[in-house]
């Protein structure tokens, strides 16, 4: 019970990611993108890793957008959320 309360309160959570954590995020995002499995998911232990993975995805998307000559697609297709 104490461990659950600590998680809810955010106690014991990291205030920054290590280099290894950032590399883990990079590998997980790359594996996620390369996967042909439509049920593939990312399981992340904390908000810092979630933020890092979204940062990587956004950076990859922006770089792809630049290579294609800009312009945001009218619709992004995928499974309904």
C-alpha atoms as a PDB file:
ATOM      1  CA  UNK A   1       0.000   0.000   0.000  1.00  0.00           C
ATOM      2  CA  UNK A   2       2.829   2.414   0.837  1.00  0.00           C
ATOM      3  CA  UNK A   3       4.473   1.740  -2.535  1.00  0.00           C
ATOM      4  CA  UNK A   4       1.210   2.502  -4.337  1.00  0.00           C
ATOM      5  CA  UNK A   5       0.834   5.794  -2.444  1.00  0.00           C
ATOM      6  CA  UNK A   6       4.414   6.725  -3.280  1.00  0.00           C
ATOM      7  CA  UNK A   7       3.708   6.184  -6.981  1.00  0.00           C
ATOM      8  CA  UNK A   8       0.509   8.232  -6.835  1.00  0.00           C
ATOM      9  CA  UNK A   9       2.318  11.077  -5.059  1.00  0.00           C
ATOM     10  CA  UNK A  10       5.281  10.811  -7.427  1.00  0.00           C
ATOM     11  CA  UNK A  11       7.751  10.065  -4.651  1.00  0.00           C
ATOM     12  CA  UNK A  12      10.916   8.322  -5.723  1.00  0.00           C
ATOM     13  CA  UNK A  13      10.424   9.388  -9.339  1.00  0.00           C
ATOM     14  CA  UNK A  14      13.425  10.556 -11.338  1.00  0.00           C
ATOM     15  CA  UNK A  15      13.837  14.235 -12.069  1.00  0.00           C
ATOM     16  CA  UNK A  16      15.871  13.538 -15.223  1.00  0.00           C
ATOM     17  CA  UNK A  17      16.669  10.662 -17.569  1.00  0.00           C
ATOM     18  CA  UNK A  18      20.070   9.045 -17.764  1.00  0.00           C
ATOM     19  CA  UNK A  19      21.858   8.600 -21.069  1.00  0.00           C
ATOM     20  CA  UNK A  20      20.912   4.915 -20.900  1.00  0.00           C
ATOM     21  CA  UNK A  21      17.224   5.820 -20.397  1.00  0.00           C
ATOM     22  CA  UNK A  22      17.304   8.106 -23.441  1.00  0.00           C
ATOM     23  CA  UNK A  23      18.967   5.403 -25.537  1.00  0.00           C
ATOM     24  CA  UNK A  24      16.339   2.890 -24.378  1.00  0.00           C
ATOM     25  CA  UNK A  25      13.627   5.313 -25.520  1.00  0.00           C
ATOM     26  CA  UNK A  26      15.325   5.714 -28.890  1.00  0.00           C
ATOM     27  CA  UNK A  27      15.539   1.950 -29.390  1.00  0.00           C
ATOM     28  CA  UNK A  28      11.910   1.430 -28.307  1.00  0.00           C
ATOM     29  CA  UNK A  29      10.668   4.140 -30.698  1.00  0.00           C
ATOM     30  CA  UNK A  30      12.728   2.753 -33.589  1.00  0.00           C
ATOM     31  CA  UNK A  31      11.401  -0.764 -32.914  1.00  0.00           C
ATOM     32  CA  UNK A  32       7.854   0.604 -32.668  1.00  0.00           C
ATOM     33  CA  UNK A  33       8.158   2.388 -36.025  1.00  0.00           C
ATOM     34  CA  UNK A  34       9.720  -0.603 -37.785  1.00  0.00           C
ATOM     35  CA  UNK A  35       7.181  -3.096 -36.472  1.00  0.00           C
ATOM     36  CA  UNK A  36       4.594  -4.457 -38.888  1.00  0.00           C
ATOM     37  CA  UNK A  37       2.441  -5.558 -35.926  1.00  0.00           C
ATOM     38  CA  UNK A  38      -0.606  -3.287 -35.706  1.00  0.00           C
ATOM     39  CA  UNK A  39      -0.946  -4.227 -32.022  1.00  0.00           C
ATOM     40  CA  UNK A  40       2.605  -3.094 -31.203  1.00  0.00           C
ATOM     41  CA  UNK A  41       2.705  -0.846 -28.162  1.00  0.00           C
ATOM     42  CA  UNK A  42       5.199   1.121 -26.109  1.00  0.00           C
ATOM     43  CA  UNK A  43       5.183   0.381 -22.397  1.00  0.00           C
ATOM     44  CA  UNK A  44       6.942   3.142 -20.519  1.00  0.00           C
ATOM     45  CA  UNK A  45       7.581   3.254 -16.773  1.00  0.00           C
ATOM     46  CA  UNK A  46       7.301   6.987 -16.135  1.00  0.00           C
ATOM     47  CA  UNK A  47       6.336  10.370 -17.553  1.00  0.00           C
ATOM     48  CA  UNK A  48       9.934  11.349 -18.341  1.00  0.00           C
ATOM     49  CA  UNK A  49      10.316   8.385 -20.670  1.00  0.00           C
ATOM     50  CA  UNK A  50       6.891   9.082 -22.182  1.00  0.00           C
ATOM     51  CA  UNK A  51       7.963  12.673 -22.875  1.00  0.00           C
ATOM     52  CA  UNK A  52      11.283  11.518 -24.337  1.00  0.00           C
ATOM     53  CA  UNK A  53       9.599   9.018 -26.669  1.00  0.00           C
ATOM     54  CA  UNK A  54       7.127  11.656 -27.864  1.00  0.00           C
ATOM     55  CA  UNK A  55      10.044  14.059 -28.401  1.00  0.00           C
ATOM     56  CA  UNK A  56      11.790  11.438 -30.557  1.00  0.00           C
ATOM     57  CA  UNK A  57       8.608  10.749 -32.542  1.00  0.00           C
ATOM     58  CA  UNK A  58       7.989  14.471 -33.083  1.00  0.00           C
ATOM     59  CA  UNK A  59      11.601  15.015 -34.175  1.00  0.00           C
ATOM     60  CA  UNK A  60      11.415  12.129 -36.644  1.00  0.00           C
ATOM     61  CA  UNK A  61       8.117  13.447 -38.009  1.00  0.00           C
ATOM     62  CA  UNK A  62       9.453  17.010 -38.392  1.00  0.00           C
ATOM     63  CA  UNK A  63      12.575  15.739 -40.166  1.00  0.00           C
ATOM     64  CA  UNK A  64      10.444  13.644 -42.517  1.00  0.00           C
ATOM     65  CA  UNK A  65       8.229  16.664 -43.158  1.00  0.00           C
ATOM     66  CA  UNK A  66      11.295  18.757 -44.104  1.00  0.00           C
ATOM     67  CA  UNK A  67      12.566  16.051 -46.484  1.00  0.00           C
ATOM     68  CA  UNK A  68       9.189  15.914 -48.235  1.00  0.00           C
ATOM     69  CA  UNK A  69       9.091  19.674 -48.684  1.00  0.00           C
ATOM     70  CA  UNK A  70       6.974  20.728 -45.707  1.00  0.00           C
ATOM     71  CA  UNK A  71       3.246  20.810 -45.504  1.00  0.00           C
ATOM     72  CA  UNK A  72       1.301  19.000 -42.863  1.00  0.00           C
ATOM     73  CA  UNK A  73      -0.842  16.142 -44.142  1.00  0.00           C
ATOM     74  CA  UNK A  74      -4.558  16.856 -44.115  1.00  0.00           C
ATOM     75  CA  UNK A  75      -5.294  13.720 -42.134  1.00  0.00           C
ATOM     76  CA  UNK A  76      -3.185  11.285 -40.229  1.00  0.00           C
ATOM     77  CA  UNK A  77      -4.645   7.827 -40.606  1.00  0.00           C
ATOM     78  CA  UNK A  78      -4.427   5.070 -38.087  1.00  0.00           C
ATOM     79  CA  UNK A  79      -6.465   3.243 -35.515  1.00  0.00           C
ATOM     80  CA  UNK A  80      -9.213   5.253 -33.850  1.00  0.00           C
ATOM     81  CA  UNK A  81      -8.235   6.442 -30.419  1.00  0.00           C
END
